[in-house]
Amino acid sequence: MKVVVDMSKCQDHGQCVFAAPEVFRFDDAGRLIQPNPDDALSDAVEEAADVCPLQASVPRRVEHWSIPTDTAKHAARVLAAHLAGAETEAEAEAEADSGAGVGGELAPFAPLPTFWSDQHDFRLQSFGAPALGTADARGLYGEPGGDVVVGYHHEGRLVGVVALGGRAAVAAAARHRADLLQQSPTT
């Protein structure tokens, strides 16, 4: 496999070296060496490309999950409640969720699973739990061969949305994300 690093973009941040030291390294002068690794290291090369802040290396595979961020925000609210004097886990949870409810009701912590992957000008974006509704998939936007949004339903209820394509598909999917956020969690 040949790895190409666009040295006009590379600013020697070294994230590729940290992510895949078996592939990338700096020479004695501090310049990135462009390797030709074995094909067995293709995953390591892609991981290194994913973390490059300037997108200097290829191939590029970017995948993102939002639940870790949502979980960290919730954990921070619970910790802050503990530090503010909550004596039990239940009190801390109630304090952390107190501003999220409607009409004074406490909102349970139920983050919406969200995934996206950018592949050059093509985006795959998913909200909710599409796997729960594979028996009832419906086109919500677009046509096959172009930008498309598919809704996945379980017992007549929308449980997941997947967008494939460009900005129009992502914008159309975002409208359905709000519907998913308003629902109680699906198990």
C-alpha atoms as a PDB file:
ATOM      1  CA  MET A   1       0.000   0.000   0.000  1.00  0.00           C
ATOM      2  CA  LYS A   2       1.240   3.489  -0.787  1.00  0.00           C
ATOM      3  CA  VAL A   3       0.417   6.241   1.701  1.00  0.00           C
ATOM      4  CA  VAL A   4       0.428   9.798   0.401  1.00  0.00           C
ATOM      5  CA  VAL A   5       0.722  12.704   2.801  1.00  0.00           C
ATOM      6  CA  ASP A   6       0.057  16.138   1.339  1.00  0.00           C
ATOM      7  CA  MET A   7       3.118  17.853   2.769  1.00  0.00           C
ATOM      8  CA  SER A   8       1.737  21.250   1.726  1.00  0.00           C
ATOM      9  CA  LYS A   9      -0.992  20.683   4.359  1.00  0.00           C
ATOM     10  CA  CYS A  10       1.048  18.776   6.963  1.00  0.00           C
ATOM     11  CA  GLN A  11       2.172  20.972   9.867  1.00  0.00           C
ATOM     12  CA  ASP A  12       3.883  18.188  11.836  1.00  0.00           C
ATOM     13  CA  HIS A  13       1.232  17.908  14.557  1.00  0.00           C
ATOM     14  CA  GLY A  14       2.219  14.256  14.827  1.00  0.00           C
ATOM     15  CA  GLN A  15      -1.258  12.860  15.471  1.00  0.00           C
ATOM     16  CA  CYS A  16      -0.644  10.213  12.812  1.00  0.00           C
ATOM     17  CA  VAL A  17       2.560   9.189  14.597  1.00  0.00           C
ATOM     18  CA  PHE A  18       0.684   8.745  17.880  1.00  0.00           C
ATOM     19  CA  ALA A  19      -2.229   6.929  16.232  1.00  0.00           C
ATOM     20  CA  ALA A  20      -0.153   4.556  14.096  1.00  0.00           C
ATOM     21  CA  PRO A  21       3.483   4.476  15.234  1.00  0.00           C
ATOM     22  CA  GLU A  22       4.004   1.252  13.293  1.00  0.00           C
ATOM     23  CA  VAL A  23       3.309   3.237  10.100  1.00  0.00           C
ATOM     24  CA  PHE A  24       4.250   6.899  10.618  1.00  0.00           C
ATOM     25  CA  ARG A  25       7.361   8.452  12.138  1.00  0.00           C
ATOM     26  CA  PHE A  26       9.450  11.608  11.995  1.00  0.00           C
ATOM     27  CA  ASP A  27      12.994  11.655  10.635  1.00  0.00           C
ATOM     28  CA  ASP A  28      15.919  13.184  12.555  1.00  0.00           C
ATOM     29  CA  ALA A  29      15.090  16.619  11.135  1.00  0.00           C
ATOM     30  CA  GLY A  30      11.495  16.366  12.439  1.00  0.00           C
ATOM     31  CA  ARG A  31       9.919  15.826   9.022  1.00  0.00           C
ATOM     32  CA  LEU A  32       7.196  13.228   8.555  1.00  0.00           C
ATOM     33  CA  ILE A  33       8.393  10.207   6.645  1.00  0.00           C
ATOM     34  CA  GLN A  34       5.908   8.995   4.038  1.00  0.00           C
ATOM     35  CA  PRO A  35       5.819   5.231   4.469  1.00  0.00           C
ATOM     36  CA  ASN A  36       4.801   2.372   2.223  1.00  0.00           C
ATOM     37  CA  PRO A  37       3.340  -0.021   4.806  1.00  0.00           C
ATOM     38  CA  ASP A  38       2.145  -3.556   4.308  1.00  0.00           C
ATOM     39  CA  ASP A  39      -1.522  -3.861   3.299  1.00  0.00           C
ATOM     40  CA  ALA A  40      -2.207  -5.519   6.666  1.00  0.00           C
ATOM     41  CA  LEU A  41      -1.764  -2.074   8.272  1.00  0.00           C
ATOM     42  CA  SER A  42      -4.559  -0.413   6.277  1.00  0.00           C
ATOM     43  CA  ASP A  43      -6.745   0.000   9.392  1.00  0.00           C
ATOM     44  CA  ALA A  44      -3.892   1.756  11.190  1.00  0.00           C
ATOM     45  CA  VAL A  45      -3.387   4.076   8.206  1.00  0.00           C
ATOM     46  CA  GLU A  46      -7.095   4.951   8.153  1.00  0.00           C
ATOM     47  CA  GLU A  47      -7.105   5.592  11.914  1.00  0.00           C
ATOM     48  CA  ALA A  48      -4.122   7.902  11.522  1.00  0.00           C
ATOM     49  CA  ALA A  49      -5.850   9.762   8.679  1.00  0.00           C
ATOM     50  CA  ASP A  50      -8.966  10.129  10.848  1.00  0.00           C
ATOM     51  CA  VAL A  51      -7.068  12.057  13.531  1.00  0.00           C
ATOM     52  CA  CYS A  52      -5.058  14.307  11.209  1.00  0.00           C
ATOM     53  CA  PRO A  53      -6.254  17.831  12.081  1.00  0.00           C
ATOM     54  CA  LEU A  54      -5.456  19.126   8.592  1.00  0.00           C
ATOM     55  CA  GLN A  55      -6.591  16.124   6.566  1.00  0.00           C
ATOM     56  CA  ALA A  56      -3.127  15.790   5.058  1.00  0.00           C
ATOM     57  CA  SER A  57      -3.155  12.009   4.712  1.00  0.00           C
ATOM     58  CA  VAL A  58      -5.344   9.659   2.730  1.00  0.00           C
ATOM     59  CA  PRO A  59      -7.360   7.422   2.708  1.00  0.00           C
ATOM     60  CA  ARG A  60      -9.837   9.047   5.034  1.00  0.00           C
ATOM     61  CA  ARG A  61     -12.559   7.326   6.999  1.00  0.00           C
ATOM     62  CA  VAL A  62     -14.375   9.479   9.527  1.00  0.00           C
ATOM     63  CA  GLU A  63     -16.919   7.983  11.853  1.00  0.00           C
ATOM     64  CA  HIS A  64     -18.418   9.754  14.831  1.00  0.00           C
ATOM     65  CA  TRP A  65     -20.709   8.715  17.663  1.00  0.00           C
ATOM     66  CA  SER A  66     -22.302  11.371  19.848  1.00  0.00           C
ATOM     67  CA  ILE A  67     -23.341   9.235  22.845  1.00  0.00           C
ATOM     68  CA  PRO A  68     -19.945   9.532  24.610  1.00  0.00           C
ATOM     69  CA  THR A  69     -20.313  13.315  24.518  1.00  0.00           C
ATOM     70  CA  ASP A  70     -23.904  13.174  25.775  1.00  0.00           C
ATOM     71  CA  THR A  71     -22.912  10.755  28.537  1.00  0.00           C
ATOM     72  CA  ALA A  72     -19.987  12.946  29.606  1.00  0.00           C
ATOM     73  CA  LYS A  73     -22.239  16.020  29.797  1.00  0.00           C
ATOM     74  CA  HIS A  74     -24.750  14.122  31.937  1.00  0.00           C
ATOM     75  CA  ALA A  75     -21.995  12.745  34.185  1.00  0.00           C
ATOM     76  CA  ALA A  76     -20.661  16.273  34.665  1.00  0.00           C
ATOM     77  CA  ARG A  77     -24.128  17.493  35.718  1.00  0.00           C
ATOM     78  CA  VAL A  78     -24.469  14.617  38.209  1.00  0.00           C
ATOM     79  CA  LEU A  79     -20.985  15.291  39.605  1.00  0.00           C
ATOM     80  CA  ALA A  80     -21.778  18.994  39.951  1.00  0.00           C
ATOM     81  CA  ALA A  81     -24.980  18.092  41.816  1.00  0.00           C
ATOM     82  CA  HIS A  82     -22.978  15.875  44.193  1.00  0.00           C
ATOM     83  CA  LEU A  83     -20.503  18.683  44.784  1.00  0.00           C
ATOM     84  CA  ALA A  84     -23.415  21.054  45.431  1.00  0.00           C
ATOM     85  CA  GLY A  85     -24.677  18.834  48.232  1.00  0.00           C
ATOM     86  CA  ALA A  86     -26.827  16.060  46.754  1.00  0.00           C
ATOM     87  CA  GLU A  87     -26.519  13.196  49.238  1.00  0.00           C
ATOM     88  CA  THR A  88     -27.778  10.256  47.184  1.00  0.00           C
ATOM     89  CA  GLU A  89     -27.407   9.096  43.595  1.00  0.00           C
ATOM     90  CA  ALA A  90     -31.153   9.666  43.097  1.00  0.00           C
ATOM     91  CA  GLU A  91     -30.885  13.269  44.337  1.00  0.00           C
ATOM     92  CA  ALA A  92     -27.920  13.914  42.068  1.00  0.00           C
ATOM     93  CA  GLU A  93     -29.757  12.436  39.050  1.00  0.00           C
ATOM     94  CA  ALA A  94     -32.854  14.521  39.856  1.00  0.00           C
ATOM     95  CA  GLU A  95     -30.757  17.672  40.206  1.00  0.00           C
ATOM     96  CA  ALA A  96     -28.896  16.968  36.964  1.00  0.00           C
ATOM     97  CA  ASP A  97     -32.119  16.393  35.046  1.00  0.00           C
ATOM     98  CA  SER A  98     -34.222  19.112  36.726  1.00  0.00           C
ATOM     99  CA  GLY A  99     -33.938  21.626  33.907  1.00  0.00           C
ATOM    100  CA  ALA A 100     -34.589  19.135  31.118  1.00  0.00           C
ATOM    101  CA  GLY A 101     -38.202  18.223  31.836  1.00  0.00           C
ATOM    102  CA  VAL A 102     -41.409  19.759  30.578  1.00  0.00           C
ATOM    103  CA  GLY A 103     -43.788  21.253  33.131  1.00  0.00           C
ATOM    104  CA  GLY A 104     -41.446  20.516  36.040  1.00  0.00           C
ATOM    105  CA  GLU A 105     -41.224  16.788  35.325  1.00  0.00           C
ATOM    106  CA  LEU A 106     -37.847  15.146  35.516  1.00  0.00           C
ATOM    107  CA  ALA A 107     -36.482  13.929  32.215  1.00  0.00           C
ATOM    108  CA  PRO A 108     -34.646  10.598  32.307  1.00  0.00           C
ATOM    109  CA  PHE A 109     -31.192  10.438  30.801  1.00  0.00           C
ATOM    110  CA  ALA A 110     -31.894   8.919  27.403  1.00  0.00           C
ATOM    111  CA  PRO A 111     -29.392  10.145  24.801  1.00  0.00           C
ATOM    112  CA  LEU A 112     -30.340   9.713  21.173  1.00  0.00           C
ATOM    113  CA  PRO A 113     -27.797   7.464  19.449  1.00  0.00           C
ATOM    114  CA  THR A 114     -26.311   9.486  16.614  1.00  0.00           C
ATOM    115  CA  PHE A 115     -23.686   8.358  14.139  1.00  0.00           C
ATOM    116  CA  TRP A 116     -22.215   9.984  11.089  1.00  0.00           C
ATOM    117  CA  SER A 117     -19.479   9.229   8.612  1.00  0.00           C
ATOM    118  CA  ASP A 118     -18.160  11.635   5.998  1.00  0.00           C
ATOM    119  CA  GLN A 119     -16.774  10.111   2.832  1.00  0.00           C
ATOM    120  CA  HIS A 120     -15.610  13.081   0.745  1.00  0.00           C
ATOM    121  CA  ASP A 121     -18.859  14.688  -0.552  1.00  0.00           C
ATOM    122  CA  PHE A 122     -21.043  11.841   0.727  1.00  0.00           C
ATOM    123  CA  ARG A 123     -22.425  11.609   4.237  1.00  0.00           C
ATOM    124  CA  LEU A 124     -24.046   8.740   6.087  1.00  0.00           C
ATOM    125  CA  GLN A 125     -25.964   9.952   9.132  1.00  0.00           C
ATOM    126  CA  SER A 126     -28.083   7.955  11.543  1.00  0.00           C
ATOM    127  CA  PHE A 127     -30.328   8.979  14.445  1.00  0.00           C
ATOM    128  CA  GLY A 128     -32.085   6.668  16.870  1.00  0.00           C
ATOM    129  CA  ALA A 129     -32.116   2.882  16.636  1.00  0.00           C
ATOM    130  CA  PRO A 130     -32.734   1.859  13.015  1.00  0.00           C
ATOM    131  CA  ALA A 131     -31.964  -1.784  13.847  1.00  0.00           C
ATOM    132  CA  LEU A 132     -35.220  -1.939  15.827  1.00  0.00           C
ATOM    133  CA  GLY A 133     -37.246  -1.088  12.737  1.00  0.00           C
ATOM    134  CA  THR A 134     -35.678  -3.006   9.886  1.00  0.00           C
ATOM    135  CA  ALA A 135     -38.936  -4.848   9.202  1.00  0.00           C
ATOM    136  CA  ASP A 136     -40.676  -1.521   8.457  1.00  0.00           C
ATOM    137  CA  ALA A 137     -38.367   0.824   6.539  1.00  0.00           C
ATOM    138  CA  ARG A 138     -39.984   3.716   4.648  1.00  0.00           C
ATOM    139  CA  GLY A 139     -38.561   6.349   2.340  1.00  0.00           C
ATOM    140  CA  LEU A 140     -39.005   9.762   3.989  1.00  0.00           C
ATOM    141  CA  TYR A 141     -37.156  11.932   1.481  1.00  0.00           C
ATOM    142  CA  GLY A 142     -35.556  11.680  -1.936  1.00  0.00           C
ATOM    143  CA  GLU A 143     -35.230   8.927  -4.468  1.00  0.00           C
ATOM    144  CA  PRO A 144     -32.880   5.941  -4.758  1.00  0.00           C
ATOM    145  CA  GLY A 145     -29.760   6.961  -6.641  1.00  0.00           C
ATOM    146  CA  GLY A 146     -29.750  10.432  -5.090  1.00  0.00           C
ATOM    147  CA  ASP A 147     -29.987  11.930  -1.643  1.00  0.00           C
ATOM    148  CA  VAL A 148     -32.296   9.770   0.430  1.00  0.00           C
ATOM    149  CA  VAL A 149     -33.633   9.560   3.974  1.00  0.00           C
ATOM    150  CA  VAL A 150     -35.080   6.305   5.290  1.00  0.00           C
ATOM    151  CA  GLY A 151     -37.228   6.035   8.410  1.00  0.00           C
ATOM    152  CA  TYR A 152     -37.281   2.835  10.440  1.00  0.00           C
ATOM    153  CA  HIS A 153     -40.453   2.027  12.357  1.00  0.00           C
ATOM    154  CA  HIS A 154     -41.314  -0.421  15.121  1.00  0.00           C
ATOM    155  CA  GLU A 155     -44.988  -1.082  15.856  1.00  0.00           C
ATOM    156  CA  GLY A 156     -45.886   1.980  13.780  1.00  0.00           C
ATOM    157  CA  ARG A 157     -43.551   4.317  15.674  1.00  0.00           C
ATOM    158  CA  LEU A 158     -40.485   5.985  14.130  1.00  0.00           C
ATOM    159  CA  VAL A 159     -37.421   4.574  15.934  1.00  0.00           C
ATOM    160  CA  GLY A 160     -34.561   5.503  13.605  1.00  0.00           C
ATOM    161  CA  VAL A 161     -33.598   7.643  10.636  1.00  0.00           C
ATOM    162  CA  VAL A 162     -30.726   7.169   8.190  1.00  0.00           C
ATOM    163  CA  ALA A 163     -29.652   9.808   5.664  1.00  0.00           C
ATOM    164  CA  LEU A 164     -27.462   9.020   2.678  1.00  0.00           C
ATOM    165  CA  GLY A 165     -26.090  11.663   0.355  1.00  0.00           C
ATOM    166  CA  GLY A 166     -25.335  15.344   0.629  1.00  0.00           C
ATOM    167  CA  ARG A 167     -26.541  18.355   2.564  1.00  0.00           C
ATOM    168  CA  ALA A 168     -30.157  18.054   1.455  1.00  0.00           C
ATOM    169  CA  ALA A 169     -30.437  14.552   2.915  1.00  0.00           C
ATOM    170  CA  VAL A 170     -28.791  15.593   6.175  1.00  0.00           C
ATOM    171  CA  ALA A 171     -31.119  18.597   6.515  1.00  0.00           C
ATOM    172  CA  ALA A 172     -34.157  16.408   5.832  1.00  0.00           C
ATOM    173  CA  ALA A 173     -32.989  13.870   8.435  1.00  0.00           C
ATOM    174  CA  ALA A 174     -32.472  16.609  11.026  1.00  0.00           C
ATOM    175  CA  ARG A 175     -36.191  17.414  10.885  1.00  0.00           C
ATOM    176  CA  HIS A 176     -36.954  13.833  11.928  1.00  0.00           C
ATOM    177  CA  ARG A 177     -34.311  13.928  14.686  1.00  0.00           C
ATOM    178  CA  ALA A 178     -36.524  16.345  16.627  1.00  0.00           C
ATOM    179  CA  ASP A 179     -39.381  13.826  16.445  1.00  0.00           C
ATOM    180  CA  LEU A 180     -37.134  11.110  17.846  1.00  0.00           C
ATOM    181  CA  LEU A 181     -35.988  13.341  20.711  1.00  0.00           C
ATOM    182  CA  GLN A 182     -39.589  13.949  21.779  1.00  0.00           C
ATOM    183  CA  GLN A 183     -40.351  10.248  22.157  1.00  0.00           C
ATOM    184  CA  SER A 184     -39.810   8.134  25.223  1.00  0.00           C
ATOM    185  CA  PRO A 185     -36.876   5.709  24.929  1.00  0.00           C
ATOM    186  CA  THR A 186     -37.408   2.533  22.911  1.00  0.00           C
ATOM    187  CA  THR A 187     -36.057  -0.747  24.157  1.00  0.00           C
END
